[in-house]
C-alpha atoms as a PDB file:
ATOM      1  CA  MET A   1     -38.572   3.390   4.693  1.00  0.00           C
ATOM      2  CA  ARG A   2     -36.574   1.659   1.596  1.00  0.00           C
ATOM      3  CA  ALA A   3     -37.801  -1.148   0.297  1.00  0.00           C
ATOM      4  CA  ARG A   4     -36.748  -3.833  -0.328  1.00  0.00           C
ATOM      5  CA  PRO A   5     -34.432  -6.326  -3.233  1.00  0.00           C
ATOM      6  CA  PRO A   6     -36.838  -8.532  -5.120  1.00  0.00           C
ATOM      7  CA  GLY A   7     -36.735 -11.686  -2.928  1.00  0.00           C
ATOM      8  CA  ALA A   8     -35.695 -10.239   0.477  1.00  0.00           C
ATOM      9  CA  SER A   9     -37.180 -11.265   3.229  1.00  0.00           C
ATOM     10  CA  GLU A  10     -38.510  -9.761   6.305  1.00  0.00           C
ATOM     11  CA  PRO A  11     -36.483  -7.893   9.085  1.00  0.00           C
ATOM     12  CA  ARG A  12     -35.837  -9.494  11.864  1.00  0.00           C
ATOM     13  CA  PRO A  13     -37.741  -8.668  15.191  1.00  0.00           C
ATOM     14  CA  LEU A  14     -36.029  -6.577  17.487  1.00  0.00           C
ATOM     15  CA  ARG A  15     -34.843  -8.750  20.608  1.00  0.00           C
ATOM     16  CA  PRO A  16     -34.810  -7.508  24.111  1.00  0.00           C
ATOM     17  CA  GLY A  17     -31.647  -4.703  24.667  1.00  0.00           C
ATOM     18  CA  ALA A  18     -31.607  -4.137  20.328  1.00  0.00           C
ATOM     19  CA  CYS A  19     -31.711  -0.535  19.415  1.00  0.00           C
ATOM     20  CA  LYS A  20     -33.264   0.479  16.771  1.00  0.00           C
ATOM     21  CA  ALA A  21     -31.754   2.948  14.615  1.00  0.00           C
ATOM     22  CA  GLU A  22     -33.296   6.809  14.865  1.00  0.00           C
ATOM     23  CA  ALA A  23     -34.778   8.525  11.563  1.00  0.00           C
ATOM     24  CA  GLY A  24     -31.847  10.102   9.393  1.00  0.00           C
ATOM     25  CA  ASP A  25     -29.224   6.826  10.857  1.00  0.00           C
ATOM     26  CA  ARG A  26     -27.819   5.630   6.488  1.00  0.00           C
ATOM     27  CA  ASN A  27     -29.632   2.620   7.723  1.00  0.00           C
ATOM     28  CA  GLY A  28     -33.610   2.717   8.818  1.00  0.00           C
ATOM     29  CA  ASP A  29     -35.441   0.157   8.597  1.00  0.00           C
ATOM     30  CA  GLY A  30     -33.219  -2.511  10.263  1.00  0.00           C
ATOM     31  CA  GLU A  31     -31.635  -3.471  13.644  1.00  0.00           C
ATOM     32  CA  LEU A  32     -28.111  -2.156  15.492  1.00  0.00           C
ATOM     33  CA  LEU A  33     -26.214  -4.434  16.963  1.00  0.00           C
ATOM     34  CA  GLY A  34     -24.702  -4.089  20.330  1.00  0.00           C
ATOM     35  CA  ILE A  35     -19.887  -3.466  19.513  1.00  0.00           C
ATOM     36  CA  GLY A  36     -20.291  -7.684  20.973  1.00  0.00           C
ATOM     37  CA  GLU A  37     -22.440  -8.881  18.462  1.00  0.00           C
ATOM     38  CA  ALA A  38     -21.479  -6.769  15.780  1.00  0.00           C
ATOM     39  CA  ALA A  39     -18.520  -8.305  16.678  1.00  0.00           C
ATOM     40  CA  ALA A  40     -19.256 -11.667  16.706  1.00  0.00           C
ATOM     41  CA  ALA A  41     -21.447 -11.313  13.419  1.00  0.00           C
ATOM     42  CA  THR A  42     -18.024 -10.589  11.858  1.00  0.00           C
ATOM     43  CA  GLY A  43     -15.543 -12.621  12.487  1.00  0.00           C
ATOM     44  CA  VAL A  44     -12.816 -10.096  14.676  1.00  0.00           C
ATOM     45  CA  SER A  45     -12.819  -8.512  17.759  1.00  0.00           C
ATOM     46  CA  GLU A  46     -14.222  -6.111  19.495  1.00  0.00           C
ATOM     47  CA  ARG A  47     -10.738  -4.902  19.870  1.00  0.00           C
ATOM     48  CA  ALA A  48     -10.474  -4.990  16.467  1.00  0.00           C
ATOM     49  CA  LEU A  49     -13.627  -2.736  16.145  1.00  0.00           C
ATOM     50  CA  ARG A  50     -12.871   0.056  18.395  1.00  0.00           C
ATOM     51  CA  TYR A  51      -9.545   0.173  16.587  1.00  0.00           C
ATOM     52  CA  TRP A  52     -10.524   1.344  13.030  1.00  0.00           C
ATOM     53  CA  GLN A  53     -13.389   3.475  14.436  1.00  0.00           C
ATOM     54  CA  GLN A  54     -10.274   5.508  16.102  1.00  0.00           C
ATOM     55  CA  LEU A  55      -8.218   5.441  12.430  1.00  0.00           C
ATOM     56  CA  GLY A  56     -11.675   6.584  10.683  1.00  0.00           C
ATOM     57  CA  LEU A  57     -12.389   3.682   8.704  1.00  0.00           C
ATOM     58  CA  ILE A  58     -15.440   2.916  11.124  1.00  0.00           C
ATOM     59  CA  THR A  59     -18.481   4.967  11.980  1.00  0.00           C
ATOM     60  CA  PRO A  60     -20.614   3.385  14.033  1.00  0.00           C
ATOM     61  CA  THR A  61     -24.508   3.961  12.518  1.00  0.00           C
ATOM     62  CA  GLY A  62     -25.951   4.861  16.593  1.00  0.00           C
ATOM     63  CA  THR A  63     -24.922   5.036  19.751  1.00  0.00           C
ATOM     64  CA  THR A  64     -26.971   4.534  22.968  1.00  0.00           C
ATOM     65  CA  PRO A  65     -28.260   7.364  24.832  1.00  0.00           C
ATOM     66  CA  GLY A  66     -25.259   6.331  26.928  1.00  0.00           C
ATOM     67  CA  GLY A  67     -22.659   6.491  24.152  1.00  0.00           C
ATOM     68  CA  LEU A  68     -22.338   2.527  23.804  1.00  0.00           C
ATOM     69  CA  ARG A  69     -21.677   1.993  19.953  1.00  0.00           C
ATOM     70  CA  ARG A  70     -24.493   0.314  17.956  1.00  0.00           C
ATOM     71  CA  TYR A  71     -23.770  -1.088  14.041  1.00  0.00           C
ATOM     72  CA  SER A  72     -26.256  -1.574  11.288  1.00  0.00           C
ATOM     73  CA  GLU A  73     -25.370  -4.560   8.558  1.00  0.00           C
ATOM     74  CA  GLY A  74     -24.797  -1.510   7.329  1.00  0.00           C
ATOM     75  CA  ASP A  75     -21.144  -0.958   9.314  1.00  0.00           C
ATOM     76  CA  MET A  76     -21.131  -4.700   9.028  1.00  0.00           C
ATOM     77  CA  ALA A  77     -20.723  -4.905   5.406  1.00  0.00           C
ATOM     78  CA  ARG A  78     -17.584  -2.464   5.541  1.00  0.00           C
ATOM     79  CA  VAL A  79     -16.082  -4.544   8.481  1.00  0.00           C
ATOM     80  CA  GLY A  80     -15.994  -7.869   5.272  1.00  0.00           C
ATOM     81  CA  ARG A  81     -15.142  -4.685   2.902  1.00  0.00           C
ATOM     82  CA  LEU A  82     -11.941  -4.080   4.958  1.00  0.00           C
ATOM     83  CA  ARG A  83     -11.286  -7.899   6.222  1.00  0.00           C
ATOM     84  CA  GLU A  84     -10.971  -8.208   2.138  1.00  0.00           C
ATOM     85  CA  LEU A  85      -8.713  -5.739   1.066  1.00  0.00           C
ATOM     86  CA  GLN A  86      -6.414  -6.228   3.610  1.00  0.00           C
ATOM     87  CA  GLU A  87      -6.927 -10.473   4.393  1.00  0.00           C
ATOM     88  CA  LEU A  88      -7.502 -11.522   0.931  1.00  0.00           C
ATOM     89  CA  LEU A  89      -5.377  -8.483  -1.735  1.00  0.00           C
ATOM     90  CA  GLY A  90      -2.902  -7.512   0.877  1.00  0.00           C
ATOM     91  CA  PHE A  91      -4.056  -3.870   1.117  1.00  0.00           C
ATOM     92  CA  GLY A  92      -2.342  -1.983   4.516  1.00  0.00           C
ATOM     93  CA  LEU A  93      -4.693   0.734   5.911  1.00  0.00           C
ATOM     94  CA  GLU A  94      -3.549   3.669   4.512  1.00  0.00           C
ATOM     95  CA  GLU A  95      -4.544   1.834   1.219  1.00  0.00           C
ATOM     96  CA  ILE A  96      -8.031   1.078   2.583  1.00  0.00           C
ATOM     97  CA  ARG A  97      -8.679   4.058   3.670  1.00  0.00           C
ATOM     98  CA  GLU A  98      -8.036   5.303   0.477  1.00  0.00           C
ATOM     99  CA  VAL A  99     -10.909   3.112  -1.256  1.00  0.00           C
ATOM    100  CA  PHE A 100     -13.402   3.821   1.452  1.00  0.00           C
ATOM    101  CA  ASP A 101     -12.543   6.837   0.780  1.00  0.00           C
ATOM    102  CA  ASN A 102     -12.779   6.956  -3.134  1.00  0.00           C
ATOM    103  CA  GLU A 103     -16.167   4.506  -3.023  1.00  0.00           C
ATOM    104  CA  ASP A 104     -17.839   6.727  -0.250  1.00  0.00           C
ATOM    105  CA  ARG A 105     -17.444   9.982  -2.709  1.00  0.00           C
ATOM    106  CA  LEU A 106     -18.690   7.505  -5.591  1.00  0.00           C
ATOM    107  CA  GLU A 107     -21.812   7.150  -3.462  1.00  0.00           C
ATOM    108  CA  GLN A 108     -22.477  10.107  -2.859  1.00  0.00           C
ATOM    109  CA  LEU A 109     -21.917  10.999  -6.620  1.00  0.00           C
ATOM    110  CA  ARG A 110     -24.493   8.124  -7.198  1.00  0.00           C
ATOM    111  CA  ALA A 111     -26.808   9.496  -5.126  1.00  0.00           C
ATOM    112  CA  GLU A 112     -26.874  12.574  -6.111  1.00  0.00           C
ATOM    113  CA  TYR A 113     -27.327  11.733  -9.921  1.00  0.00           C
ATOM    114  CA  HIS A 114     -30.478  10.048  -8.819  1.00  0.00           C
ATOM    115  CA  ALA A 115     -31.704  13.142  -7.087  1.00  0.00           C
ATOM    116  CA  GLU A 116     -34.628  14.290  -8.810  1.00  0.00           C
ATOM    117  CA  SER A 117     -33.621  17.784  -8.204  1.00  0.00           C
ATOM    118  CA  THR A 118     -30.217  16.903  -9.883  1.00  0.00           C
ATOM    119  CA  ASP A 119     -30.763  19.284 -13.711  1.00  0.00           C
ATOM    120  CA  ALA A 120     -29.042  17.230 -16.828  1.00  0.00           C
ATOM    121  CA  ALA A 121     -25.336  20.081 -16.185  1.00  0.00           C
ATOM    122  CA  ARG A 122     -24.852  18.667 -12.489  1.00  0.00           C
ATOM    123  CA  ARG A 123     -24.923  15.294 -13.923  1.00  0.00           C
ATOM    124  CA  ARG A 124     -22.757  15.820 -16.499  1.00  0.00           C
ATOM    125  CA  GLU A 125     -20.344  16.730 -14.122  1.00  0.00           C
ATOM    126  CA  LEU A 126     -20.857  14.113 -11.726  1.00  0.00           C
ATOM    127  CA  ILE A 127     -20.392  10.969 -13.983  1.00  0.00           C
ATOM    128  CA  ALA A 128     -17.122  13.150 -14.643  1.00  0.00           C
ATOM    129  CA  GLU A 129     -15.966  13.446 -11.247  1.00  0.00           C
ATOM    130  CA  GLY A 130     -17.259   8.796 -11.074  1.00  0.00           C
ATOM    131  CA  LEU A 131     -14.708   8.802 -12.908  1.00  0.00           C
ATOM    132  CA  ARG A 132     -12.412  10.516 -12.656  1.00  0.00           C
ATOM    133  CA  VAL A 133     -12.981   8.857  -8.973  1.00  0.00           C
ATOM    134  CA  ARG A 134     -12.694   5.718 -10.711  1.00  0.00           C
ATOM    135  CA  ALA A 135      -9.204   6.340 -12.287  1.00  0.00           C
ATOM    136  CA  GLY A 136      -7.356   6.819  -8.722  1.00  0.00           C
ATOM    137  CA  LEU A 137      -8.449   3.923  -7.573  1.00  0.00           C
ATOM    138  CA  ARG A 138      -7.269   1.405 -10.990  1.00  0.00           C
ATOM    139  CA  SER A 139      -4.499   3.019  -9.313  1.00  0.00           C
ATOM    140  CA  THR A 140      -4.444   2.224  -6.674  1.00  0.00           C
ATOM    141  CA  VAL A 141      -5.274  -1.745  -7.582  1.00  0.00           C
ATOM    142  CA  VAL A 142      -2.538  -1.030 -10.853  1.00  0.00           C
ATOM    143  CA  ALA A 143      -0.242  -0.268  -7.264  1.00  0.00           C
ATOM    144  CA  LYS A 144      -0.844  -3.032  -5.337  1.00  0.00           C
ATOM    145  CA  ILE A 145      -0.977  -5.724  -8.258  1.00  0.00           C
ATOM    146  CA  GLY A 146       2.830  -4.496  -9.837  1.00  0.00           C
ATOM    147  CA  ALA A 147       3.727  -5.555  -5.981  1.00  0.00           C
ATOM    148  CA  LEU A 148       2.765  -8.489  -5.759  1.00  0.00           C
ATOM    149  CA  GLU A 149       4.076  -9.407  -8.734  1.00  0.00           C
ATOM    150  CA  ARG A 150       7.969  -8.118  -7.745  1.00  0.00           C
ATOM    151  CA  PHE A 151       6.802 -10.349  -5.258  1.00  0.00           C
ATOM    152  CA  LEU A 152       5.959 -13.297  -6.941  1.00  0.00           C
ATOM    153  CA  GLY A 153       8.408 -12.756  -9.442  1.00  0.00           C
ATOM    154  CA  GLN A 154      11.520 -13.133  -6.086  1.00  0.00           C
ATOM    155  CA  LEU A 155       9.625 -16.214  -4.593  1.00  0.00           C
ATOM    156  CA  ASP A 156      10.055 -17.814  -7.821  1.00  0.00           C
ATOM    157  CA  ALA A 157      13.428 -16.680  -8.425  1.00  0.00           C
ATOM    158  CA  GLU A 158      15.020 -18.581  -5.357  1.00  0.00           C
ATOM    159  CA  ARG A 159      12.640 -20.996  -5.647  1.00  0.00           C
ATOM    160  CA  ASP A 160      14.462 -22.325  -9.348  1.00  0.00           C
ATOM    161  CA  ARG A 161      18.229 -21.636  -7.363  1.00  0.00           C
ATOM    162  CA  LEU A 162      17.284 -23.552  -4.532  1.00  0.00           C
ATOM    163  CA  GLN A 163      15.784 -26.379  -7.406  1.00  0.00           C
ATOM    164  CA  ARG A 164      18.806 -25.797  -9.591  1.00  0.00           C
ATOM    165  CA  ILE A 165      20.694 -27.031  -6.124  1.00  0.00           C
ATOM    166  CA  LEU A 166      19.219 -29.864  -5.756  1.00  0.00           C
ATOM    167  CA  ASP A 167      19.393 -31.116  -9.016  1.00  0.00           C
ATOM    168  CA  GLU A 168      23.253 -30.928  -9.860  1.00  0.00           C
ATOM    169  CA  GLY A 169      24.012 -32.363  -7.073  1.00  0.00           C
ATOM    170  CA  GLU A 170      26.391 -29.748  -5.756  1.00  0.00           C
ATOM    171  CA  VAL A 171      24.762 -29.337  -1.743  1.00  0.00           C
ATOM    172  CA  GLY A 172      27.796 -28.162  -0.942  1.00  0.00           C
ATOM    173  CA  ALA A 173      29.183 -25.316   2.735  1.00  0.00           C
ATOM    174  CA  PRO A 174      26.547 -22.876   3.276  1.00  0.00           C
ATOM    175  CA  ARG A 175      27.904 -19.112   1.954  1.00  0.00           C
ATOM    176  CA  PRO A 176      27.362 -16.595   3.696  1.00  0.00           C
ATOM    177  CA  GLN A 177      24.063 -14.765   2.454  1.00  0.00           C
ATOM    178  CA  ALA A 178      20.841 -13.374   3.181  1.00  0.00           C
ATOM    179  CA  PRO A 179      18.500 -16.048   4.425  1.00  0.00           C
ATOM    180  CA  LEU A 180      16.007 -17.818   2.753  1.00  0.00           C
ATOM    181  CA  SER A 181      13.034 -15.470   4.498  1.00  0.00           C
ATOM    182  CA  ARG A 182      14.361 -12.185   3.847  1.00  0.00           C
ATOM    183  CA  GLN A 183      11.838 -10.298   0.960  1.00  0.00           C
ATOM    184  CA  ALA A 184      11.697  -6.728   0.196  1.00  0.00           C
ATOM    185  CA  PRO A 185       8.456  -5.239   1.256  1.00  0.00           C
ATOM    186  CA  LEU A 186       5.310  -5.033  -0.379  1.00  0.00           C
ATOM    187  CA  SER A 187       5.767  -1.312  -0.074  1.00  0.00           C
ATOM    188  CA  ARG A 188       6.551   1.526   2.329  1.00  0.00           C
ATOM    189  CA  GLN A 189       3.341   1.621   4.189  1.00  0.00           C
ATOM    190  CA  ALA A 190       2.897   4.767   6.474  1.00  0.00           C
ATOM    191  CA  PRO A 191       2.163   4.910  10.553  1.00  0.00           C
ATOM    192  CA  LEU A 192      -0.875   4.267   9.898  1.00  0.00           C
ATOM    193  CA  SER A 193      -0.868   1.241   7.932  1.00  0.00           C
ATOM    194  CA  ARG A 194      -0.206  -1.222  11.031  1.00  0.00           C
ATOM    195  CA  GLN A 195      -1.870  -3.866  11.770  1.00  0.00           C
ATOM    196  CA  ALA A 196      -4.454  -3.939  13.435  1.00  0.00           C
ATOM    197  CA  PRO A 197      -5.136  -5.424  16.410  1.00  0.00           C
ATOM    198  CA  SER A 198      -5.719  -9.914  15.891  1.00  0.00           C
ATOM    199  CA  GLY A 199      -9.794 -10.295  14.691  1.00  0.00           C
ATOM    200  CA  SER A 200     -10.057 -13.078  15.269  1.00  0.00           C
END
């Protein structure tokens, strides 16, 4: 059983019908929730959880003998991370997959680095690989920042154009042009990057 961080509260008692993680599960000292409870706890719909699982972005810690999904606190934290990347940072699902793949690999490298059986030479290799993975993650973020900055530049330019029209008082018949709402896409997304069903 993993030691709890200082100040962490005692685990909650199992409710009737709740599932305890089996040995070898990622969160073996915590309670596993059904999909309805997990959806409510994370603020998304059950449909969204199923969709993300189909894409391989979320993998429930366990299942019941009848095949029902069971989610750990770690699984729900991953859902929160996915929503942060998607809703706050504007990442598409393909970009989120890339972030998750890199973060999962960093976690594997960290675990091997701290293993007692890992020698000094192997630890140097792990550090070097970790640097490469982090460089890849940084490139993904830099590309997203560049796309957002271009989008912001388009918004500012359109704002300035409209402000000039008001300041100069020359509001005549409109000239044929693209609608104000038209903006260049932030990035070209692969088919996988279509948005998941509504999470609320």
